[in-house]
N, C-alpha and C. Protein backbone atom coordinates (compact mmCIF):
# COMPACT_ATOMS: atom_id res chain seq x y z
N MET A 1 2.59 26.55 51.68
CA MET A 1 3.53 25.77 50.88
C MET A 1 4.83 26.54 50.73
N THR A 2 5.91 25.81 50.84
CA THR A 2 7.19 26.48 50.68
C THR A 2 7.54 26.54 49.20
N ARG A 3 8.41 27.48 48.93
CA ARG A 3 8.86 27.67 47.54
C ARG A 3 9.55 26.41 47.01
N THR A 4 10.35 25.75 47.82
CA THR A 4 11.06 24.54 47.40
C THR A 4 10.08 23.42 47.10
N PHE A 5 9.05 23.28 47.95
CA PHE A 5 8.05 22.24 47.73
C PHE A 5 7.32 22.46 46.40
N ARG A 6 6.97 23.71 46.11
CA ARG A 6 6.28 24.02 44.84
C ARG A 6 7.17 23.70 43.65
N ARG A 7 8.42 24.06 43.73
CA ARG A 7 9.35 23.78 42.62
C ARG A 7 9.53 22.27 42.43
N THR A 8 9.68 21.56 43.53
CA THR A 8 9.84 20.11 43.45
C THR A 8 8.58 19.46 42.89
N SER A 9 7.42 19.93 43.36
CA SER A 9 6.16 19.39 42.85
C SER A 9 6.01 19.67 41.36
N ALA A 10 6.35 20.87 40.94
CA ALA A 10 6.27 21.22 39.53
C ALA A 10 7.20 20.35 38.70
N ALA A 11 8.39 20.10 39.19
CA ALA A 11 9.36 19.27 38.47
C ALA A 11 8.86 17.84 38.35
N VAL A 12 8.30 17.32 39.44
CA VAL A 12 7.78 15.95 39.42
C VAL A 12 6.59 15.85 38.46
N LEU A 13 5.68 16.81 38.50
CA LEU A 13 4.54 16.80 37.59
C LEU A 13 4.99 16.88 36.14
N THR A 14 5.97 17.72 35.86
CA THR A 14 6.49 17.85 34.50
C THR A 14 7.10 16.54 34.04
N ALA A 15 7.86 15.88 34.90
CA ALA A 15 8.48 14.60 34.55
C ALA A 15 7.41 13.54 34.30
N CYS A 16 6.39 13.48 35.13
CA CYS A 16 5.30 12.51 34.94
C CYS A 16 4.56 12.76 33.63
N LEU A 17 4.30 14.03 33.35
CA LEU A 17 3.61 14.37 32.11
C LEU A 17 4.45 13.97 30.90
N ALA A 18 5.75 14.24 30.96
CA ALA A 18 6.64 13.89 29.85
C ALA A 18 6.66 12.38 29.63
N LEU A 19 6.71 11.62 30.72
CA LEU A 19 6.72 10.16 30.59
C LEU A 19 5.41 9.64 30.03
N SER A 20 4.30 10.20 30.46
CA SER A 20 3.02 9.71 29.95
C SER A 20 2.84 10.06 28.48
N VAL A 21 3.32 11.23 28.07
CA VAL A 21 3.24 11.61 26.65
C VAL A 21 4.14 10.70 25.83
N ALA A 22 5.33 10.41 26.33
CA ALA A 22 6.26 9.53 25.60
C ALA A 22 5.67 8.13 25.45
N ALA A 23 5.00 7.65 26.48
CA ALA A 23 4.41 6.31 26.41
C ALA A 23 3.27 6.25 25.42
N CYS A 24 2.59 7.36 25.21
CA CYS A 24 1.45 7.39 24.30
C CYS A 24 1.79 8.12 23.02
N GLY A 25 3.06 8.35 22.77
CA GLY A 25 3.48 9.18 21.66
C GLY A 25 3.33 8.56 20.30
N GLY A 26 2.93 7.30 20.24
CA GLY A 26 2.72 6.67 18.95
C GLY A 26 4.04 6.21 18.36
N GLY A 27 4.14 6.32 17.06
CA GLY A 27 5.30 5.82 16.35
C GLY A 27 5.02 4.44 15.81
N ARG A 28 5.99 3.93 15.12
CA ARG A 28 5.85 2.59 14.56
C ARG A 28 6.63 1.63 15.43
N GLU A 29 5.91 0.68 15.95
CA GLU A 29 6.55 -0.35 16.76
C GLU A 29 6.69 -1.64 15.96
N TYR A 30 6.52 -1.57 14.65
CA TYR A 30 6.61 -2.74 13.79
C TYR A 30 7.69 -2.49 12.74
N THR A 31 8.08 -3.55 12.09
CA THR A 31 9.07 -3.48 11.03
C THR A 31 8.37 -3.45 9.68
N VAL A 32 8.82 -2.59 8.79
CA VAL A 32 8.26 -2.53 7.44
C VAL A 32 8.72 -3.78 6.69
N PRO A 33 7.80 -4.53 6.11
CA PRO A 33 8.17 -5.79 5.46
C PRO A 33 8.92 -5.57 4.15
N LYS A 34 9.84 -6.48 3.86
CA LYS A 34 10.57 -6.46 2.59
C LYS A 34 9.83 -7.28 1.54
N GLU A 35 8.88 -8.07 2.01
CA GLU A 35 8.09 -8.93 1.13
C GLU A 35 6.72 -9.11 1.76
N ALA A 36 5.72 -9.14 0.92
CA ALA A 36 4.36 -9.44 1.38
C ALA A 36 3.57 -9.98 0.21
N CYS A 37 2.68 -10.86 0.48
CA CYS A 37 1.77 -11.38 -0.54
C CYS A 37 2.51 -12.17 -1.61
N GLY A 38 3.70 -12.65 -1.30
CA GLY A 38 4.50 -13.40 -2.26
C GLY A 38 5.30 -12.54 -3.22
N VAL A 39 5.37 -11.23 -2.95
CA VAL A 39 6.07 -10.31 -3.85
C VAL A 39 7.01 -9.43 -3.02
N ALA A 40 8.20 -9.16 -3.56
CA ALA A 40 9.14 -8.25 -2.89
C ALA A 40 8.55 -6.84 -2.88
N LEU A 41 8.80 -6.11 -1.80
CA LEU A 41 8.30 -4.73 -1.67
C LEU A 41 9.47 -3.78 -1.47
N ASP A 42 9.30 -2.57 -1.95
CA ASP A 42 10.27 -1.51 -1.71
C ASP A 42 9.74 -0.69 -0.54
N GLY A 43 10.46 -0.70 0.56
CA GLY A 43 10.03 0.02 1.75
C GLY A 43 9.82 1.50 1.51
N LYS A 44 10.58 2.08 0.60
CA LYS A 44 10.44 3.52 0.32
C LYS A 44 9.11 3.85 -0.34
N THR A 45 8.65 2.99 -1.24
CA THR A 45 7.37 3.28 -1.91
C THR A 45 6.18 2.82 -1.07
N LEU A 46 6.39 1.86 -0.17
CA LEU A 46 5.33 1.41 0.72
C LEU A 46 5.14 2.35 1.90
N ASP A 47 6.21 2.94 2.37
CA ASP A 47 6.22 3.75 3.60
C ASP A 47 5.13 4.82 3.69
N PRO A 48 4.82 5.57 2.62
CA PRO A 48 3.81 6.62 2.77
C PRO A 48 2.41 6.13 3.18
N PHE A 49 2.15 4.84 3.04
CA PHE A 49 0.83 4.31 3.34
C PHE A 49 0.77 3.65 4.72
N LEU A 50 1.91 3.54 5.36
CA LEU A 50 1.96 2.94 6.68
C LEU A 50 1.86 4.04 7.73
N PHE A 51 1.17 3.77 8.80
CA PHE A 51 0.96 4.77 9.83
C PHE A 51 1.40 4.21 11.17
N ASP A 52 1.43 5.08 12.16
CA ASP A 52 1.87 4.67 13.48
C ASP A 52 0.99 3.57 14.03
N GLY A 53 1.64 2.62 14.70
CA GLY A 53 0.91 1.52 15.30
C GLY A 53 1.87 0.53 15.92
N GLU A 54 1.29 -0.49 16.51
CA GLU A 54 2.08 -1.50 17.21
C GLU A 54 2.38 -2.72 16.35
N LYS A 55 1.42 -3.12 15.50
CA LYS A 55 1.57 -4.39 14.80
C LYS A 55 1.16 -4.27 13.34
N LEU A 56 1.98 -4.81 12.46
CA LEU A 56 1.67 -4.89 11.04
C LEU A 56 1.37 -6.34 10.71
N ASP A 57 0.26 -6.57 10.03
CA ASP A 57 -0.12 -7.91 9.60
C ASP A 57 -0.36 -7.92 8.11
N VAL A 58 -0.06 -9.04 7.49
CA VAL A 58 -0.40 -9.27 6.09
C VAL A 58 -1.44 -10.38 6.11
N THR A 59 -2.64 -10.07 5.60
CA THR A 59 -3.72 -11.05 5.60
C THR A 59 -4.08 -11.40 4.16
N GLY A 60 -4.64 -12.56 3.99
CA GLY A 60 -4.96 -13.03 2.65
C GLY A 60 -3.83 -13.90 2.15
N GLY A 61 -3.97 -14.34 0.95
CA GLY A 61 -2.99 -15.26 0.40
C GLY A 61 -1.94 -14.57 -0.44
N SER A 62 -1.11 -15.39 -1.03
CA SER A 62 -0.09 -14.91 -1.94
C SER A 62 -0.73 -14.46 -3.24
N LEU A 63 -0.21 -13.40 -3.81
CA LEU A 63 -0.68 -12.94 -5.11
C LEU A 63 -0.17 -13.84 -6.22
N ILE A 64 0.84 -14.61 -5.92
CA ILE A 64 1.51 -15.42 -6.94
C ILE A 64 1.04 -16.88 -6.89
N GLU A 65 1.03 -17.47 -5.74
CA GLU A 65 0.68 -18.88 -5.58
C GLU A 65 -0.82 -19.03 -5.38
N THR A 66 -1.57 -18.74 -6.41
CA THR A 66 -3.02 -18.83 -6.30
C THR A 66 -3.57 -20.11 -6.91
N GLY A 67 -2.70 -21.04 -7.22
CA GLY A 67 -3.14 -22.32 -7.79
C GLY A 67 -3.88 -22.10 -9.08
N THR A 68 -5.08 -22.66 -9.18
CA THR A 68 -5.87 -22.50 -10.40
C THR A 68 -6.71 -21.24 -10.38
N SER A 69 -6.67 -20.52 -9.27
CA SER A 69 -7.47 -19.30 -9.14
C SER A 69 -7.00 -18.24 -10.12
N VAL A 70 -7.93 -17.42 -10.55
CA VAL A 70 -7.59 -16.33 -11.46
C VAL A 70 -7.37 -15.03 -10.70
N GLN A 71 -7.47 -15.09 -9.37
CA GLN A 71 -7.31 -13.87 -8.59
C GLN A 71 -6.56 -14.17 -7.30
N GLY A 72 -5.71 -13.24 -6.93
CA GLY A 72 -5.06 -13.29 -5.64
C GLY A 72 -5.18 -11.93 -4.99
N ALA A 73 -5.43 -11.90 -3.69
CA ALA A 73 -5.57 -10.63 -2.99
C ALA A 73 -4.99 -10.75 -1.59
N CYS A 74 -4.44 -9.66 -1.12
CA CYS A 74 -3.99 -9.62 0.26
C CYS A 74 -4.00 -8.18 0.76
N ASP A 75 -4.03 -8.06 2.07
CA ASP A 75 -4.07 -6.75 2.73
C ASP A 75 -2.87 -6.60 3.64
N ILE A 76 -2.36 -5.39 3.68
CA ILE A 76 -1.35 -5.01 4.66
C ILE A 76 -2.08 -4.12 5.65
N ARG A 77 -2.11 -4.54 6.92
CA ARG A 77 -2.88 -3.84 7.95
C ARG A 77 -1.96 -3.42 9.10
N VAL A 78 -2.29 -2.28 9.68
CA VAL A 78 -1.60 -1.80 10.87
C VAL A 78 -2.64 -1.75 11.98
N ASP A 79 -2.38 -2.49 13.05
CA ASP A 79 -3.31 -2.58 14.19
C ASP A 79 -4.73 -2.87 13.72
N GLY A 80 -4.84 -3.73 12.72
CA GLY A 80 -6.14 -4.15 12.22
C GLY A 80 -6.77 -3.22 11.19
N GLU A 81 -6.20 -2.04 10.99
CA GLU A 81 -6.75 -1.07 10.04
C GLU A 81 -6.05 -1.23 8.69
N PRO A 82 -6.80 -1.16 7.58
CA PRO A 82 -6.18 -1.35 6.27
C PRO A 82 -5.20 -0.22 5.92
N ALA A 83 -4.03 -0.62 5.45
CA ALA A 83 -3.04 0.33 4.95
C ALA A 83 -2.98 0.23 3.42
N VAL A 84 -2.81 -0.99 2.90
CA VAL A 84 -2.76 -1.22 1.45
C VAL A 84 -3.43 -2.54 1.13
N ARG A 85 -4.27 -2.53 0.11
CA ARG A 85 -4.87 -3.77 -0.41
C ARG A 85 -4.32 -3.98 -1.81
N LEU A 86 -3.84 -5.20 -2.05
CA LEU A 86 -3.24 -5.56 -3.33
C LEU A 86 -4.05 -6.71 -3.93
N ARG A 87 -4.34 -6.59 -5.21
CA ARG A 87 -5.07 -7.65 -5.91
C ARG A 87 -4.49 -7.82 -7.30
N VAL A 88 -4.34 -9.07 -7.69
CA VAL A 88 -3.87 -9.40 -9.04
C VAL A 88 -4.87 -10.34 -9.67
N ASP A 89 -5.38 -9.95 -10.83
CA ASP A 89 -6.29 -10.80 -11.61
C ASP A 89 -5.54 -11.33 -12.82
N LYS A 90 -5.63 -12.62 -13.04
CA LYS A 90 -5.08 -13.24 -14.25
C LYS A 90 -6.19 -13.25 -15.28
N VAL A 91 -5.96 -12.58 -16.40
CA VAL A 91 -7.02 -12.40 -17.39
C VAL A 91 -6.53 -12.81 -18.78
N ASP A 92 -7.47 -12.87 -19.73
CA ASP A 92 -7.15 -13.35 -21.07
C ASP A 92 -6.87 -12.24 -22.08
N LYS A 93 -7.04 -10.97 -21.68
CA LYS A 93 -6.77 -9.86 -22.61
C LYS A 93 -6.41 -8.61 -21.82
N LEU A 94 -5.99 -7.60 -22.55
CA LEU A 94 -5.65 -6.31 -21.95
C LEU A 94 -6.93 -5.52 -21.71
N TYR A 95 -7.16 -5.12 -20.47
CA TYR A 95 -8.33 -4.31 -20.13
C TYR A 95 -7.89 -2.86 -19.94
N ASP A 96 -8.68 -1.94 -20.44
CA ASP A 96 -8.35 -0.52 -20.32
C ASP A 96 -8.96 0.05 -19.05
N PRO A 97 -8.14 0.47 -18.08
CA PRO A 97 -8.67 1.04 -16.84
C PRO A 97 -9.40 2.37 -17.07
N MET A 98 -9.23 2.97 -18.23
CA MET A 98 -9.93 4.22 -18.55
C MET A 98 -11.26 3.96 -19.25
N ALA A 99 -11.60 2.69 -19.49
CA ALA A 99 -12.89 2.37 -20.11
C ALA A 99 -14.02 2.77 -19.16
N GLU A 100 -15.16 3.09 -19.74
CA GLU A 100 -16.31 3.53 -18.94
C GLU A 100 -16.72 2.48 -17.91
N LEU A 101 -16.59 1.21 -18.26
CA LEU A 101 -16.96 0.14 -17.34
C LEU A 101 -16.11 0.11 -16.06
N GLU A 102 -14.96 0.72 -16.08
CA GLU A 102 -14.06 0.74 -14.92
C GLU A 102 -14.18 2.01 -14.10
N ALA A 103 -14.97 2.97 -14.53
CA ALA A 103 -15.06 4.27 -13.86
C ALA A 103 -15.49 4.16 -12.40
N PHE A 104 -16.32 3.17 -12.08
CA PHE A 104 -16.83 3.04 -10.71
C PHE A 104 -15.73 2.81 -9.68
N ARG A 105 -14.58 2.36 -10.12
CA ARG A 105 -13.48 2.04 -9.20
C ARG A 105 -12.75 3.27 -8.66
N PHE A 106 -12.95 4.41 -9.30
CA PHE A 106 -12.08 5.56 -9.06
C PHE A 106 -12.82 6.81 -8.60
N ALA A 107 -12.13 7.60 -7.82
CA ALA A 107 -12.52 8.99 -7.57
C ALA A 107 -11.49 9.84 -8.31
N ASN A 108 -11.93 10.69 -9.20
CA ASN A 108 -11.04 11.57 -9.97
C ASN A 108 -10.02 10.78 -10.79
N ARG A 109 -10.52 9.89 -11.61
CA ARG A 109 -9.67 9.00 -12.43
C ARG A 109 -8.89 9.78 -13.48
N GLU A 110 -7.62 9.43 -13.59
CA GLU A 110 -6.74 9.96 -14.63
C GLU A 110 -5.89 8.83 -15.17
N LYS A 111 -5.55 8.93 -16.42
CA LYS A 111 -4.68 7.95 -17.06
C LYS A 111 -3.25 8.11 -16.52
N ILE A 112 -2.60 6.99 -16.28
CA ILE A 112 -1.16 7.02 -15.97
C ILE A 112 -0.47 7.09 -17.32
N GLU A 113 0.13 8.22 -17.60
CA GLU A 113 0.64 8.50 -18.94
C GLU A 113 1.86 7.68 -19.34
N LYS A 114 2.84 7.59 -18.47
CA LYS A 114 4.11 6.99 -18.88
C LYS A 114 4.48 5.83 -17.97
N LEU A 115 3.87 4.69 -18.24
CA LEU A 115 4.26 3.49 -17.52
C LEU A 115 5.64 3.05 -18.02
N PRO A 116 6.52 2.60 -17.14
CA PRO A 116 7.85 2.16 -17.57
C PRO A 116 7.85 0.72 -18.08
N PHE A 117 6.69 0.21 -18.43
CA PHE A 117 6.51 -1.13 -18.98
C PHE A 117 5.28 -1.06 -19.88
N SER A 118 5.08 -2.08 -20.72
CA SER A 118 3.91 -2.05 -21.60
C SER A 118 2.64 -2.28 -20.78
N GLY A 119 1.61 -1.56 -21.13
CA GLY A 119 0.34 -1.73 -20.44
C GLY A 119 -0.44 -0.43 -20.38
N LEU A 120 -1.58 -0.49 -19.70
CA LEU A 120 -2.46 0.65 -19.53
C LEU A 120 -2.71 0.84 -18.05
N GLY A 121 -2.75 2.09 -17.61
CA GLY A 121 -2.95 2.33 -16.19
C GLY A 121 -3.83 3.53 -15.92
N ALA A 122 -4.47 3.52 -14.75
CA ALA A 122 -5.28 4.64 -14.29
C ALA A 122 -5.03 4.84 -12.81
N LEU A 123 -5.23 6.07 -12.38
CA LEU A 123 -4.94 6.47 -11.01
C LEU A 123 -6.13 7.24 -10.47
N GLY A 124 -6.50 6.95 -9.23
CA GLY A 124 -7.54 7.68 -8.54
C GLY A 124 -7.00 8.27 -7.25
N ASP A 125 -7.87 8.87 -6.47
CA ASP A 125 -7.44 9.50 -5.22
C ASP A 125 -6.96 8.50 -4.18
N ARG A 126 -7.42 7.25 -4.25
CA ARG A 126 -7.02 6.24 -3.28
C ARG A 126 -6.62 4.90 -3.91
N ASN A 127 -6.47 4.87 -5.25
CA ASN A 127 -6.19 3.58 -5.86
C ASN A 127 -5.56 3.74 -7.24
N SER A 128 -5.09 2.60 -7.73
CA SER A 128 -4.60 2.51 -9.11
C SER A 128 -5.02 1.16 -9.68
N MET A 129 -5.01 1.11 -11.00
CA MET A 129 -5.30 -0.13 -11.72
C MET A 129 -4.41 -0.15 -12.95
N VAL A 130 -3.70 -1.25 -13.15
CA VAL A 130 -2.83 -1.41 -14.31
C VAL A 130 -3.15 -2.74 -14.97
N SER A 131 -3.27 -2.71 -16.28
CA SER A 131 -3.46 -3.91 -17.09
C SER A 131 -2.22 -4.05 -17.96
N THR A 132 -1.63 -5.23 -17.93
CA THR A 132 -0.37 -5.43 -18.65
C THR A 132 -0.28 -6.86 -19.18
N ALA A 133 0.51 -7.04 -20.22
CA ALA A 133 0.73 -8.38 -20.78
C ALA A 133 1.63 -9.16 -19.83
N CYS A 134 1.46 -10.48 -19.87
CA CYS A 134 2.30 -11.35 -19.05
C CYS A 134 2.98 -12.40 -19.93
N ALA A 135 2.19 -13.10 -20.74
CA ALA A 135 2.71 -14.16 -21.61
C ALA A 135 3.59 -15.14 -20.84
N GLY A 136 3.14 -15.51 -19.70
CA GLY A 136 3.89 -16.45 -18.88
C GLY A 136 3.15 -17.75 -18.69
N PRO A 137 3.73 -18.64 -17.91
CA PRO A 137 3.11 -19.95 -17.71
C PRO A 137 1.82 -19.89 -16.89
N LYS A 138 1.61 -18.80 -16.15
CA LYS A 138 0.44 -18.73 -15.27
C LYS A 138 -0.63 -17.76 -15.74
N ALA A 139 -0.30 -16.90 -16.73
CA ALA A 139 -1.28 -15.91 -17.18
C ALA A 139 -0.86 -15.29 -18.49
N ASP A 140 -1.86 -14.91 -19.31
CA ASP A 140 -1.59 -14.17 -20.54
C ASP A 140 -1.47 -12.66 -20.26
N HIS A 141 -2.34 -12.17 -19.40
CA HIS A 141 -2.36 -10.76 -19.02
C HIS A 141 -2.67 -10.65 -17.53
N LEU A 142 -2.33 -9.52 -16.95
CA LEU A 142 -2.61 -9.26 -15.54
C LEU A 142 -3.32 -7.94 -15.38
N VAL A 143 -4.16 -7.86 -14.38
CA VAL A 143 -4.71 -6.59 -13.92
C VAL A 143 -4.30 -6.48 -12.45
N VAL A 144 -3.58 -5.43 -12.12
CA VAL A 144 -3.09 -5.21 -10.76
C VAL A 144 -3.83 -4.02 -10.17
N HIS A 145 -4.41 -4.24 -9.00
CA HIS A 145 -5.14 -3.19 -8.29
C HIS A 145 -4.38 -2.86 -7.00
N VAL A 146 -4.23 -1.58 -6.72
CA VAL A 146 -3.65 -1.11 -5.47
C VAL A 146 -4.66 -0.14 -4.87
N VAL A 147 -5.04 -0.39 -3.62
CA VAL A 147 -5.97 0.49 -2.91
C VAL A 147 -5.36 0.82 -1.56
N VAL A 148 -5.28 2.11 -1.23
CA VAL A 148 -4.70 2.50 0.05
C VAL A 148 -5.80 2.83 1.05
N GLY A 149 -5.49 2.64 2.33
CA GLY A 149 -6.45 2.86 3.39
C GLY A 149 -6.71 4.33 3.66
N ASP A 150 -7.74 4.57 4.43
CA ASP A 150 -8.16 5.93 4.76
C ASP A 150 -7.14 6.70 5.59
N GLN A 151 -6.25 6.00 6.27
CA GLN A 151 -5.31 6.67 7.14
C GLN A 151 -3.99 7.03 6.44
N SER A 152 -3.88 6.75 5.14
CA SER A 152 -2.63 7.10 4.46
C SER A 152 -2.47 8.61 4.48
N GLY A 153 -1.24 9.03 4.74
CA GLY A 153 -0.98 10.45 4.99
C GLY A 153 -0.87 11.30 3.75
N GLY A 154 -0.72 12.57 3.99
CA GLY A 154 -0.52 13.53 2.92
C GLY A 154 -1.81 14.03 2.30
N ASP A 155 -1.65 15.10 1.53
CA ASP A 155 -2.81 15.62 0.81
C ASP A 155 -3.08 14.74 -0.41
N VAL A 156 -4.16 15.01 -1.10
CA VAL A 156 -4.57 14.15 -2.21
C VAL A 156 -3.51 14.09 -3.31
N ALA A 157 -2.93 15.23 -3.68
CA ALA A 157 -1.92 15.24 -4.74
C ALA A 157 -0.70 14.40 -4.35
N GLU A 158 -0.27 14.52 -3.11
CA GLU A 158 0.87 13.75 -2.63
C GLU A 158 0.53 12.25 -2.59
N ARG A 159 -0.66 11.92 -2.10
CA ARG A 159 -1.08 10.53 -2.03
C ARG A 159 -1.13 9.92 -3.43
N ARG A 160 -1.66 10.66 -4.40
CA ARG A 160 -1.71 10.15 -5.78
C ARG A 160 -0.31 9.90 -6.33
N ARG A 161 0.63 10.80 -6.07
CA ARG A 161 2.02 10.59 -6.50
C ARG A 161 2.60 9.33 -5.86
N ASN A 162 2.31 9.14 -4.58
CA ASN A 162 2.81 7.97 -3.86
C ASN A 162 2.18 6.68 -4.37
N ILE A 163 0.90 6.71 -4.68
CA ILE A 163 0.24 5.52 -5.24
C ILE A 163 0.86 5.17 -6.59
N GLU A 164 1.06 6.16 -7.42
CA GLU A 164 1.67 5.91 -8.73
C GLU A 164 3.08 5.35 -8.59
N ALA A 165 3.88 5.93 -7.69
CA ALA A 165 5.25 5.45 -7.48
C ALA A 165 5.25 3.99 -7.00
N PHE A 166 4.37 3.68 -6.06
CA PHE A 166 4.27 2.30 -5.57
C PHE A 166 3.87 1.36 -6.70
N THR A 167 2.87 1.76 -7.48
CA THR A 167 2.35 0.92 -8.55
C THR A 167 3.40 0.62 -9.61
N VAL A 168 4.11 1.64 -10.08
CA VAL A 168 5.10 1.40 -11.15
C VAL A 168 6.30 0.60 -10.63
N ASP A 169 6.51 0.59 -9.32
CA ASP A 169 7.54 -0.26 -8.74
C ASP A 169 7.03 -1.68 -8.53
N PHE A 170 5.77 -1.80 -8.13
CA PHE A 170 5.20 -3.09 -7.74
C PHE A 170 4.85 -3.99 -8.93
N VAL A 171 4.26 -3.45 -9.98
CA VAL A 171 3.79 -4.27 -11.11
C VAL A 171 4.93 -5.09 -11.73
N PRO A 172 6.09 -4.52 -12.03
CA PRO A 172 7.17 -5.35 -12.59
C PRO A 172 7.60 -6.48 -11.65
N LYS A 173 7.51 -6.25 -10.35
CA LYS A 173 7.85 -7.31 -9.39
C LYS A 173 6.85 -8.44 -9.41
N VAL A 174 5.58 -8.10 -9.59
CA VAL A 174 4.54 -9.12 -9.73
C VAL A 174 4.80 -9.93 -11.00
N LYS A 175 5.09 -9.22 -12.09
CA LYS A 175 5.34 -9.90 -13.38
C LYS A 175 6.54 -10.84 -13.26
N LYS A 176 7.58 -10.39 -12.60
CA LYS A 176 8.77 -11.22 -12.43
C LYS A 176 8.45 -12.45 -11.57
N ALA A 177 7.72 -12.25 -10.48
CA ALA A 177 7.37 -13.36 -9.60
C ALA A 177 6.50 -14.40 -10.31
N LEU A 178 5.66 -13.96 -11.25
CA LEU A 178 4.80 -14.88 -12.00
C LEU A 178 5.51 -15.49 -13.22
N GLY A 179 6.72 -15.06 -13.50
CA GLY A 179 7.44 -15.61 -14.65
C GLY A 179 6.97 -15.06 -15.98
N CYS A 180 6.43 -13.86 -15.98
CA CYS A 180 5.95 -13.24 -17.22
C CYS A 180 7.12 -12.97 -18.16
N THR A 181 6.90 -13.20 -19.43
CA THR A 181 7.94 -12.93 -20.43
C THR A 181 7.65 -11.68 -21.23
N ALA A 182 6.47 -11.13 -21.09
CA ALA A 182 6.13 -9.89 -21.81
C ALA A 182 5.85 -8.77 -20.84
């Protein structure tokens, strides 16, 4: 083999390898939604739970237009894998997420100390639950559940901060969409 042939072969192999890595390099090939489940979303607070993939889907119904139903739920999925599950229950009273009956929902449950709205909240390693007054035409009180998928990034402390940030941004938007006055 000549020296030129080896150099040319090495260059071609390097170029092929670079192209194959770029083609399989991942990334997000989808657009982060500004609205899902009938509620406006903040891309900055949603972003930590979205992972690389080709397609983002929102499955389930609207959290707001649930007709006579007392519950609405929907999932945000990337390539079929769950990223965020959102659920809103219309209830008749304020439920305490720190009550013993709610403990099964959480891993490492802690109270959300300073909600920027009236209500009670709890945070776990992969979820949150907030109970708040509504006093609107569709509900007296709401319980909002946020559950993130297994692929959400970051360590546990970072994920918990991100879940809390998403929750305190999301709950007032749900209340506004439902016409809550309290």
